Amino acid sequence: MNYNNPAKTQALILDWAGTVVDFGSFAPTQIFVEAFAEFDVAVSIEEARGPMGMGKWDHIRTLCDLPPVSERYRKVFERAPNDDDVTAIYNRFMPLQIEKIATHSALIPGALSTIDGLRKQGLKIGSCSGYPAVVMEKVVELARQNGYVADHVVATDEVPNGRPHPAQALANVIALGISDVAACVKVDDTAPGILEGRSAGMWTVALVCSGNALGLTYEQYKALGTDALASERSRIHGLFEGARPHYLIDTINELPAVIADIDRRLAAGEVPQAS
């Protein structure tokens, strides 16, 4: 038997917050701030956004490892935070997240029609998130009420290792019956999510304006002047540089043109691992 490159894209593996729902990725960010505050430790929105895309326990561990945050914790508890402390913060984070997830559950404008159009081209829609399953259950239900249903969902605690490891993306490949990872496109608004796709051998598309990196509401994004938007795009492109996304676009609504280009490249014999 001989290996043949896939002729066209078979599936999208979509992130959730900042990609399909919750423009600006506000739902998890604010809750990190509130969870730390319950331990009398201040964490800024900017600090909370830093590790976005990772599983939430790992996200909290990473925040605790930041020297300024660790020092604030030390001033309160007279020691650096250990893993038990991370778990305690995580256990406070979870009910807050579940309680408030609906506040930021709206679909990103245009996302539903864009995804529906790609489905009509025969693409399957996989998905994954840094949220654990207990939160994803609510996110998925709220999205369903707004008309969006993915073909498969993988939460961060349903695999041995979450992002930036490839397990969640690959779990989608298996569940969706995809023949080749090179026929898959991972779409995400965070560097860990892009690294996940890269490690899984997929094409990767980084979202510059709808998610964590820009961190604005849709209305604030639309109100940006031309120069300000260009400056922010340049800054965010730099943030993604190390993850090496194949494409960078503002929002998911630009994805159809990307898929057309990927199909062209696949037909020409290109594979994502070589790009």
C-alpha atoms as a PDB file:
ATOM      1  CA  MET A   1       0.000   0.000   0.000  1.00  0.00           C
ATOM      2  CA  ASN A   2       1.132   3.536  -0.744  1.00  0.00           C
ATOM      3  CA  TYR A   3       0.464   6.704   1.203  1.00  0.00           C
ATOM      4  CA  ASN A   4      -1.586   9.320  -0.610  1.00  0.00           C
ATOM      5  CA  ASN A   5      -2.053  12.853   0.662  1.00  0.00           C
ATOM      6  CA  PRO A   6      -5.660  13.754   1.437  1.00  0.00           C
ATOM      7  CA  ALA A   7      -7.202  15.620  -1.470  1.00  0.00           C
ATOM      8  CA  LYS A   8      -9.191  18.094   0.621  1.00  0.00           C
ATOM      9  CA  THR A   9     -10.103  19.160   4.134  1.00  0.00           C
ATOM     10  CA  GLN A  10     -12.295  16.724   6.059  1.00  0.00           C
ATOM     11  CA  ALA A  11     -12.771  18.336   9.472  1.00  0.00           C
ATOM     12  CA  LEU A  12     -12.442  21.455  11.552  1.00  0.00           C
ATOM     13  CA  ILE A  13     -11.400  21.193  15.198  1.00  0.00           C
ATOM     14  CA  LEU A  14     -12.767  24.362  16.742  1.00  0.00           C
ATOM     15  CA  ASP A  15     -11.999  25.907  20.076  1.00  0.00           C
ATOM     16  CA  TRP A  16     -14.935  27.381  21.995  1.00  0.00           C
ATOM     17  CA  ALA A  17     -14.425  30.640  23.950  1.00  0.00           C
ATOM     18  CA  GLY A  18     -12.961  33.321  21.711  1.00  0.00           C
ATOM     19  CA  THR A  19     -13.481  31.167  18.631  1.00  0.00           C
ATOM     20  CA  VAL A  20     -17.177  30.279  18.358  1.00  0.00           C
ATOM     21  CA  VAL A  21     -18.634  31.807  21.536  1.00  0.00           C
ATOM     22  CA  ASP A  22     -17.717  34.608  23.951  1.00  0.00           C
ATOM     23  CA  PHE A  23     -16.078  37.272  21.780  1.00  0.00           C
ATOM     24  CA  GLY A  24     -12.999  38.444  23.678  1.00  0.00           C
ATOM     25  CA  SER A  25     -12.891  35.283  25.823  1.00  0.00           C
ATOM     26  CA  PHE A  26     -14.186  36.966  28.965  1.00  0.00           C
ATOM     27  CA  ALA A  27     -15.876  34.034  30.710  1.00  0.00           C
ATOM     28  CA  PRO A  28     -12.746  32.310  32.027  1.00  0.00           C
ATOM     29  CA  THR A  29     -10.610  35.424  32.466  1.00  0.00           C
ATOM     30  CA  GLN A  30     -12.729  37.303  34.975  1.00  0.00           C
ATOM     31  CA  ILE A  31     -13.329  34.162  37.030  1.00  0.00           C
ATOM     32  CA  PHE A  32      -9.597  33.615  37.523  1.00  0.00           C
ATOM     33  CA  VAL A  33      -9.398  37.113  38.981  1.00  0.00           C
ATOM     34  CA  GLU A  34     -12.357  36.442  41.275  1.00  0.00           C
ATOM     35  CA  ALA A  35     -11.097  33.033  42.404  1.00  0.00           C
ATOM     36  CA  PHE A  36      -7.706  34.406  43.444  1.00  0.00           C
ATOM     37  CA  ALA A  37      -9.402  37.353  45.142  1.00  0.00           C
ATOM     38  CA  GLU A  38     -11.231  34.941  47.427  1.00  0.00           C
ATOM     39  CA  PHE A  39      -7.793  34.018  48.766  1.00  0.00           C
ATOM     40  CA  ASP A  40      -6.899  37.713  49.117  1.00  0.00           C
ATOM     41  CA  VAL A  41      -4.434  37.468  46.234  1.00  0.00           C
ATOM     42  CA  ALA A  42      -4.737  40.055  43.480  1.00  0.00           C
ATOM     43  CA  VAL A  43      -4.405  38.916  39.870  1.00  0.00           C
ATOM     44  CA  SER A  44      -4.908  41.362  37.029  1.00  0.00           C
ATOM     45  CA  ILE A  45      -6.956  40.662  33.922  1.00  0.00           C
ATOM     46  CA  GLU A  46      -3.752  40.874  31.883  1.00  0.00           C
ATOM     47  CA  GLU A  47      -2.036  38.299  34.096  1.00  0.00           C
ATOM     48  CA  ALA A  48      -5.083  36.037  33.984  1.00  0.00           C
ATOM     49  CA  ARG A  49      -5.096  36.108  30.178  1.00  0.00           C
ATOM     50  CA  GLY A  50      -1.456  35.029  29.884  1.00  0.00           C
ATOM     51  CA  PRO A  51      -1.787  31.205  30.038  1.00  0.00           C
ATOM     52  CA  MET A  52      -5.192  31.100  28.333  1.00  0.00           C
ATOM     53  CA  GLY A  53      -5.845  27.961  26.328  1.00  0.00           C
ATOM     54  CA  MET A  54      -4.390  25.590  28.895  1.00  0.00           C
ATOM     55  CA  GLY A  55      -6.505  23.377  31.124  1.00  0.00           C
ATOM     56  CA  LYS A  56      -7.763  25.404  34.063  1.00  0.00           C
ATOM     57  CA  TRP A  57      -5.748  23.666  36.805  1.00  0.00           C
ATOM     58  CA  ASP A  58      -2.594  24.109  34.724  1.00  0.00           C
ATOM     59  CA  HIS A  59      -3.620  27.696  34.050  1.00  0.00           C
ATOM     60  CA  ILE A  60      -3.828  28.401  37.787  1.00  0.00           C
ATOM     61  CA  ARG A  61      -0.513  26.624  38.401  1.00  0.00           C
ATOM     62  CA  THR A  62       1.104  28.806  35.738  1.00  0.00           C
ATOM     63  CA  LEU A  63      -0.346  31.951  37.302  1.00  0.00           C
ATOM     64  CA  CYS A  64       0.937  30.901  40.717  1.00  0.00           C
ATOM     65  CA  ASP A  65       4.393  30.444  39.212  1.00  0.00           C
ATOM     66  CA  LEU A  66       4.491  34.036  37.979  1.00  0.00           C
ATOM     67  CA  PRO A  67       6.931  35.823  40.323  1.00  0.00           C
ATOM     68  CA  PRO A  68       4.597  38.782  41.044  1.00  0.00           C
ATOM     69  CA  VAL A  69       1.651  36.492  41.805  1.00  0.00           C
ATOM     70  CA  SER A  70       3.789  34.134  43.866  1.00  0.00           C
ATOM     71  CA  GLU A  71       5.080  37.095  45.881  1.00  0.00           C
ATOM     72  CA  ARG A  72       1.542  38.371  46.544  1.00  0.00           C
ATOM     73  CA  TYR A  73       0.570  34.887  47.687  1.00  0.00           C
ATOM     74  CA  ARG A  74       3.629  34.743  49.933  1.00  0.00           C
ATOM     75  CA  LYS A  75       2.678  38.022  51.598  1.00  0.00           C
ATOM     76  CA  VAL A  76      -0.717  36.576  52.527  1.00  0.00           C
ATOM     77  CA  PHE A  77       0.263  33.012  53.463  1.00  0.00           C
ATOM     78  CA  GLU A  78       3.987  33.428  54.256  1.00  0.00           C
ATOM     79  CA  ARG A  79       4.967  30.771  51.706  1.00  0.00           C
ATOM     80  CA  ALA A  80       4.883  30.131  47.989  1.00  0.00           C
ATOM     81  CA  PRO A  81       1.789  28.395  46.588  1.00  0.00           C
ATOM     82  CA  ASN A  82       2.099  24.626  46.227  1.00  0.00           C
ATOM     83  CA  ASP A  83      -0.029  22.170  44.249  1.00  0.00           C
ATOM     84  CA  ASP A  84      -2.511  21.795  47.102  1.00  0.00           C
ATOM     85  CA  ASP A  85      -3.006  25.552  47.046  1.00  0.00           C
ATOM     86  CA  VAL A  86      -3.516  25.436  43.286  1.00  0.00           C
ATOM     87  CA  THR A  87      -6.170  22.773  43.786  1.00  0.00           C
ATOM     88  CA  ALA A  88      -7.871  24.894  46.441  1.00  0.00           C
ATOM     89  CA  ILE A  89      -8.038  27.857  44.051  1.00  0.00           C
ATOM     90  CA  TYR A  90      -9.225  25.558  41.261  1.00  0.00           C
ATOM     91  CA  ASN A  91     -11.977  24.191  43.497  1.00  0.00           C
ATOM     92  CA  ARG A  92     -13.166  27.740  44.090  1.00  0.00           C
ATOM     93  CA  PHE A  93     -12.787  28.646  40.430  1.00  0.00           C
ATOM     94  CA  MET A  94     -15.019  25.821  39.212  1.00  0.00           C
ATOM     95  CA  PRO A  95     -18.335  26.731  40.887  1.00  0.00           C
ATOM     96  CA  LEU A  96     -17.783  30.389  40.014  1.00  0.00           C
ATOM     97  CA  GLN A  97     -17.186  29.428  36.385  1.00  0.00           C
ATOM     98  CA  ILE A  98     -20.262  27.214  36.215  1.00  0.00           C
ATOM     99  CA  GLU A  99     -22.376  29.894  37.873  1.00  0.00           C
ATOM    100  CA  LYS A 100     -21.341  32.677  35.505  1.00  0.00           C
ATOM    101  CA  ILE A 101     -20.658  30.919  32.203  1.00  0.00           C
ATOM    102  CA  ALA A 102     -24.020  31.971  30.778  1.00  0.00           C
ATOM    103  CA  THR A 103     -23.051  35.640  31.054  1.00  0.00           C
ATOM    104  CA  HIS A 104     -20.592  35.195  28.194  1.00  0.00           C
ATOM    105  CA  SER A 105     -22.303  32.467  26.161  1.00  0.00           C
ATOM    106  CA  ALA A 106     -23.335  34.408  23.051  1.00  0.00           C
ATOM    107  CA  LEU A 107     -22.138  33.090  19.708  1.00  0.00           C
ATOM    108  CA  ILE A 108     -19.561  35.230  17.949  1.00  0.00           C
ATOM    109  CA  PRO A 109     -21.390  37.291  15.309  1.00  0.00           C
ATOM    110  CA  GLY A 110     -21.440  35.431  12.007  1.00  0.00           C
ATOM    111  CA  ALA A 111     -19.948  32.229  13.434  1.00  0.00           C
ATOM    112  CA  LEU A 112     -23.068  30.110  13.047  1.00  0.00           C
ATOM    113  CA  SER A 113     -23.620  30.935   9.382  1.00  0.00           C
ATOM    114  CA  THR A 114     -19.911  30.467   8.664  1.00  0.00           C
ATOM    115  CA  ILE A 115     -19.870  27.028  10.282  1.00  0.00           C
ATOM    116  CA  ASP A 116     -23.112  26.036   8.567  1.00  0.00           C
ATOM    117  CA  GLY A 117     -21.606  27.004   5.216  1.00  0.00           C
ATOM    118  CA  LEU A 118     -18.520  24.893   5.849  1.00  0.00           C
ATOM    119  CA  ARG A 119     -20.690  21.970   6.919  1.00  0.00           C
ATOM    120  CA  LYS A 120     -22.475  22.182   3.588  1.00  0.00           C
ATOM    121  CA  GLN A 121     -19.080  21.642   1.960  1.00  0.00           C
ATOM    122  CA  GLY A 122     -18.914  18.294   3.765  1.00  0.00           C
ATOM    123  CA  LEU A 123     -16.699  19.271   6.686  1.00  0.00           C
ATOM    124  CA  LYS A 124     -17.185  17.644  10.070  1.00  0.00           C
ATOM    125  CA  ILE A 125     -17.039  19.900  13.116  1.00  0.00           C
ATOM    126  CA  GLY A 126     -14.974  18.689  16.038  1.00  0.00           C
ATOM    127  CA  SER A 127     -14.272  20.822  19.074  1.00  0.00           C
ATOM    128  CA  CYS A 128     -12.222  21.037  22.240  1.00  0.00           C
ATOM    129  CA  SER A 129     -11.629  23.445  25.085  1.00  0.00           C
ATOM    130  CA  GLY A 130      -9.528  24.219  28.113  1.00  0.00           C
ATOM    131  CA  TYR A 131     -12.713  23.827  30.147  1.00  0.00           C
ATOM    132  CA  PRO A 132     -13.284  20.578  32.076  1.00  0.00           C
ATOM    133  CA  ALA A 133     -16.305  18.436  31.242  1.00  0.00           C
ATOM    134  CA  VAL A 134     -18.521  19.820  34.008  1.00  0.00           C
ATOM    135  CA  VAL A 135     -18.210  23.316  32.522  1.00  0.00           C
ATOM    136  CA  MET A 136     -18.362  22.124  28.924  1.00  0.00           C
ATOM    137  CA  GLU A 137     -21.729  20.495  29.566  1.00  0.00           C
ATOM    138  CA  LYS A 138     -23.174  23.918  30.289  1.00  0.00           C
ATOM    139  CA  VAL A 139     -21.270  25.641  27.467  1.00  0.00           C
ATOM    140  CA  VAL A 140     -22.503  23.050  24.969  1.00  0.00           C
ATOM    141  CA  GLU A 141     -26.104  23.351  26.147  1.00  0.00           C
ATOM    142  CA  LEU A 142     -26.057  27.149  25.952  1.00  0.00           C
ATOM    143  CA  ALA A 143     -24.580  26.966  22.449  1.00  0.00           C
ATOM    144  CA  ARG A 144     -27.255  24.458  21.435  1.00  0.00           C
ATOM    145  CA  GLN A 145     -29.915  26.910  22.562  1.00  0.00           C
ATOM    146  CA  ASN A 146     -28.292  29.452  20.251  1.00  0.00           C
ATOM    147  CA  GLY A 147     -28.237  27.037  17.306  1.00  0.00           C
ATOM    148  CA  TYR A 148     -24.686  25.655  17.409  1.00  0.00           C
ATOM    149  CA  VAL A 149     -24.025  21.943  17.882  1.00  0.00           C
ATOM    150  CA  ALA A 150     -20.567  20.503  17.236  1.00  0.00           C
ATOM    151  CA  ASP A 151     -20.269  16.944  15.948  1.00  0.00           C
ATOM    152  CA  HIS A 152     -17.929  16.077  18.804  1.00  0.00           C
ATOM    153  CA  VAL A 153     -16.674  17.759  21.981  1.00  0.00           C
ATOM    154  CA  VAL A 154     -13.575  16.930  24.027  1.00  0.00           C
ATOM    155  CA  ALA A 155     -13.021  18.606  27.396  1.00  0.00           C
ATOM    156  CA  THR A 156      -9.574  19.055  28.863  1.00  0.00           C
ATOM    157  CA  ASP A 157     -10.100  16.471  31.626  1.00  0.00           C
ATOM    158  CA  GLU A 158     -11.257  13.788  29.182  1.00  0.00           C
ATOM    159  CA  VAL A 159      -7.709  13.117  27.965  1.00  0.00           C
ATOM    160  CA  PRO A 160      -4.458  12.343  29.809  1.00  0.00           C
ATOM    161  CA  ASN A 161      -2.881  15.687  28.882  1.00  0.00           C
ATOM    162  CA  GLY A 162      -4.573  18.876  27.759  1.00  0.00           C
ATOM    163  CA  ARG A 163      -3.141  21.630  25.613  1.00  0.00           C
ATOM    164  CA  PRO A 164      -0.538  22.186  24.319  1.00  0.00           C
ATOM    165  CA  HIS A 165      -0.448  18.386  23.993  1.00  0.00           C
ATOM    166  CA  PRO A 166      -2.308  17.008  20.941  1.00  0.00           C
ATOM    167  CA  ALA A 167      -4.618  14.581  22.760  1.00  0.00           C
ATOM    168  CA  GLN A 168      -7.859  16.570  22.517  1.00  0.00           C
ATOM    169  CA  ALA A 169      -7.435  17.263  18.821  1.00  0.00           C
ATOM    170  CA  LEU A 170      -6.551  13.633  18.137  1.00  0.00           C
ATOM    171  CA  ALA A 171      -9.527  12.404  20.163  1.00  0.00           C
ATOM    172  CA  ASN A 172     -11.697  14.349  17.727  1.00  0.00           C
ATOM    173  CA  VAL A 173      -9.964  12.715  14.761  1.00  0.00           C
ATOM    174  CA  ILE A 174     -10.759   9.269  16.137  1.00  0.00           C
ATOM    175  CA  ALA A 175     -14.350  10.072  17.082  1.00  0.00           C
ATOM    176  CA  LEU A 176     -15.126  11.716  13.745  1.00  0.00           C
ATOM    177  CA  GLY A 177     -13.562   8.928  11.697  1.00  0.00           C
ATOM    178  CA  ILE A 178     -11.114  11.193   9.882  1.00  0.00           C
ATOM    179  CA  SER A 179      -8.695   9.346   7.606  1.00  0.00           C
ATOM    180  CA  ASP A 180      -5.687  11.658   7.954  1.00  0.00           C
ATOM    181  CA  VAL A 181      -4.692  14.403  10.390  1.00  0.00           C
ATOM    182  CA  ALA A 182      -3.431  16.402   7.411  1.00  0.00           C
ATOM    183  CA  ALA A 183      -7.074  16.789   6.388  1.00  0.00           C
ATOM    184  CA  CYS A 184      -7.900  18.549   9.671  1.00  0.00           C
ATOM    185  CA  VAL A 185      -7.755  22.225  10.574  1.00  0.00           C
ATOM    186  CA  LYS A 186      -7.356  23.341  14.200  1.00  0.00           C
ATOM    187  CA  VAL A 187      -8.812  26.809  14.835  1.00  0.00           C
ATOM    188  CA  ASP A 188      -7.989  28.579  18.099  1.00  0.00           C
ATOM    189  CA  ASP A 189      -7.444  31.990  19.667  1.00  0.00           C
ATOM    190  CA  THR A 190      -4.541  30.927  21.924  1.00  0.00           C
ATOM    191  CA  ALA A 191      -0.967  29.771  21.431  1.00  0.00           C
ATOM    192  CA  PRO A 192      -1.490  26.529  23.423  1.00  0.00           C
ATOM    193  CA  GLY A 193      -4.403  25.695  21.125  1.00  0.00           C
ATOM    194  CA  ILE A 194      -2.296  26.304  18.035  1.00  0.00           C
ATOM    195  CA  LEU A 195       0.521  24.193  19.476  1.00  0.00           C
ATOM    196  CA  GLU A 196      -2.050  21.461  20.086  1.00  0.00           C
ATOM    197  CA  GLY A 197      -2.944  21.466  16.403  1.00  0.00           C
ATOM    198  CA  ARG A 198       0.675  21.648  15.312  1.00  0.00           C
ATOM    199  CA  SER A 199       1.592  18.702  17.543  1.00  0.00           C
ATOM    200  CA  ALA A 200      -1.343  16.745  16.116  1.00  0.00           C
ATOM    201  CA  GLY A 201      -0.046  17.255  12.563  1.00  0.00           C
ATOM    202  CA  MET A 202      -2.922  19.502  11.491  1.00  0.00           C
ATOM    203  CA  TRP A 203      -3.255  22.774   9.652  1.00  0.00           C
ATOM    204  CA  THR A 204      -3.620  25.578  12.195  1.00  0.00           C
ATOM    205  CA  VAL A 205      -5.502  28.869  12.089  1.00  0.00           C
ATOM    206  CA  ALA A 206      -4.949  31.491  14.779  1.00  0.00           C
ATOM    207  CA  LEU A 207      -7.737  33.957  15.502  1.00  0.00           C
ATOM    208  CA  VAL A 208      -6.311  37.392  16.138  1.00  0.00           C
ATOM    209  CA  CYS A 209      -9.247  39.598  17.089  1.00  0.00           C
ATOM    210  CA  SER A 210     -12.104  37.507  18.492  1.00  0.00           C
ATOM    211  CA  GLY A 211     -10.342  35.973  21.439  1.00  0.00           C
ATOM    212  CA  ASN A 212      -8.002  36.237  24.340  1.00  0.00           C
ATOM    213  CA  ALA A 213      -5.146  38.103  22.682  1.00  0.00           C
ATOM    214  CA  LEU A 214      -7.135  41.216  21.780  1.00  0.00           C
ATOM    215  CA  GLY A 215      -9.461  40.837  24.756  1.00  0.00           C
ATOM    216  CA  LEU A 216     -12.130  43.269  23.583  1.00  0.00           C
ATOM    217  CA  THR A 217     -15.865  42.955  23.208  1.00  0.00           C
ATOM    218  CA  TYR A 218     -17.232  42.777  19.672  1.00  0.00           C
ATOM    219  CA  GLU A 219     -18.406  46.376  19.929  1.00  0.00           C
ATOM    220  CA  GLN A 220     -14.991  47.565  21.104  1.00  0.00           C
ATOM    221  CA  TYR A 221     -13.311  45.639  18.300  1.00  0.00           C
ATOM    222  CA  LYS A 222     -15.576  47.176  15.671  1.00  0.00           C
ATOM    223  CA  ALA A 223     -14.920  50.632  17.111  1.00  0.00           C
ATOM    224  CA  LEU A 224     -11.134  50.380  16.718  1.00  0.00           C
ATOM    225  CA  GLY A 225      -9.662  52.806  14.231  1.00  0.00           C
ATOM    226  CA  THR A 226      -7.643  51.570  11.277  1.00  0.00           C
ATOM    227  CA  ASP A 227      -4.272  52.423  12.812  1.00  0.00           C
ATOM    228  CA  ALA A 228      -5.161  50.987  16.217  1.00  0.00           C
ATOM    229  CA  LEU A 229      -6.394  47.756  14.662  1.00  0.00           C
ATOM    230  CA  ALA A 230      -3.264  47.426  12.540  1.00  0.00           C
ATOM    231  CA  SER A 231      -1.108  47.969  15.621  1.00  0.00           C
ATOM    232  CA  GLU A 232      -3.011  45.343  17.594  1.00  0.00           C
ATOM    233  CA  ARG A 233      -2.813  42.854  14.740  1.00  0.00           C
ATOM    234  CA  SER A 234       0.947  43.321  14.593  1.00  0.00           C
ATOM    235  CA  ARG A 235       1.283  42.838  18.353  1.00  0.00           C
ATOM    236  CA  ILE A 236      -0.851  39.695  18.363  1.00  0.00           C
ATOM    237  CA  HIS A 237       0.917  38.208  15.355  1.00  0.00           C
ATOM    238  CA  GLY A 238       4.060  38.472  17.457  1.00  0.00           C
ATOM    239  CA  LEU A 239       2.404  36.621  20.331  1.00  0.00           C
ATOM    240  CA  PHE A 240       1.561  33.726  18.011  1.00  0.00           C
ATOM    241  CA  GLU A 241       4.925  33.629  16.245  1.00  0.00           C
ATOM    242  CA  GLY A 242       6.438  30.903  18.402  1.00  0.00           C
ATOM    243  CA  ALA A 243       3.440  28.615  17.889  1.00  0.00           C
ATOM    244  CA  ARG A 244       3.837  28.882  14.090  1.00  0.00           C
ATOM    245  CA  PRO A 245       0.209  28.951  12.933  1.00  0.00           C
ATOM    246  CA  HIS A 246      -0.230  28.321   9.226  1.00  0.00           C
ATOM    247  CA  TYR A 247      -2.743  31.162   8.984  1.00  0.00           C
ATOM    248  CA  LEU A 248      -3.731  34.180  11.067  1.00  0.00           C
ATOM    249  CA  ILE A 249      -7.163  35.741  10.568  1.00  0.00           C
ATOM    250  CA  ASP A 250      -9.276  38.184  12.543  1.00  0.00           C
ATOM    251  CA  THR A 251     -12.296  35.969  13.254  1.00  0.00           C
ATOM    252  CA  ILE A 252     -13.805  32.639  12.265  1.00  0.00           C
ATOM    253  CA  ASN A 253     -15.780  34.424   9.556  1.00  0.00           C
ATOM    254  CA  GLU A 254     -12.646  34.556   7.391  1.00  0.00           C
ATOM    255  CA  LEU A 255     -12.227  30.783   7.630  1.00  0.00           C
ATOM    256  CA  PRO A 256     -13.933  29.782   4.333  1.00  0.00           C
ATOM    257  CA  ALA A 257     -11.203  31.487   2.311  1.00  0.00           C
ATOM    258  CA  VAL A 258      -8.570  29.706   4.392  1.00  0.00           C
ATOM    259  CA  ILE A 259     -10.203  26.321   3.808  1.00  0.00           C
ATOM    260  CA  ALA A 260     -10.258  27.006   0.078  1.00  0.00           C
ATOM    261  CA  ASP A 261      -6.532  27.745   0.188  1.00  0.00           C
ATOM    262  CA  ILE A 262      -5.783  24.643   2.262  1.00  0.00           C
ATOM    263  CA  ASP A 263      -7.721  22.528  -0.241  1.00  0.00           C
ATOM    264  CA  ARG A 264      -5.627  24.054  -3.013  1.00  0.00           C
ATOM    265  CA  ARG A 265      -2.428  23.208  -1.151  1.00  0.00           C
ATOM    266  CA  LEU A 266      -3.569  19.665  -0.369  1.00  0.00           C
ATOM    267  CA  ALA A 267      -4.431  19.113  -4.026  1.00  0.00           C
ATOM    268  CA  ALA A 268      -0.915  20.289  -4.884  1.00  0.00           C
ATOM    269  CA  GLY A 269       0.560  17.679  -2.552  1.00  0.00           C
ATOM    270  CA  GLU A 270       1.389  19.925   0.416  1.00  0.00           C
ATOM    271  CA  VAL A 271       0.967  18.705   3.983  1.00  0.00           C
ATOM    272  CA  PRO A 272       0.798  20.811   7.166  1.00  0.00           C
ATOM    273  CA  GLN A 273       3.788  19.127   8.785  1.00  0.00           C
ATOM    274  CA  ALA A 274       6.043  20.465   6.036  1.00  0.00           C
ATOM    275  CA  SER A 275       4.845  24.071   6.311  1.00  0.00           C
END
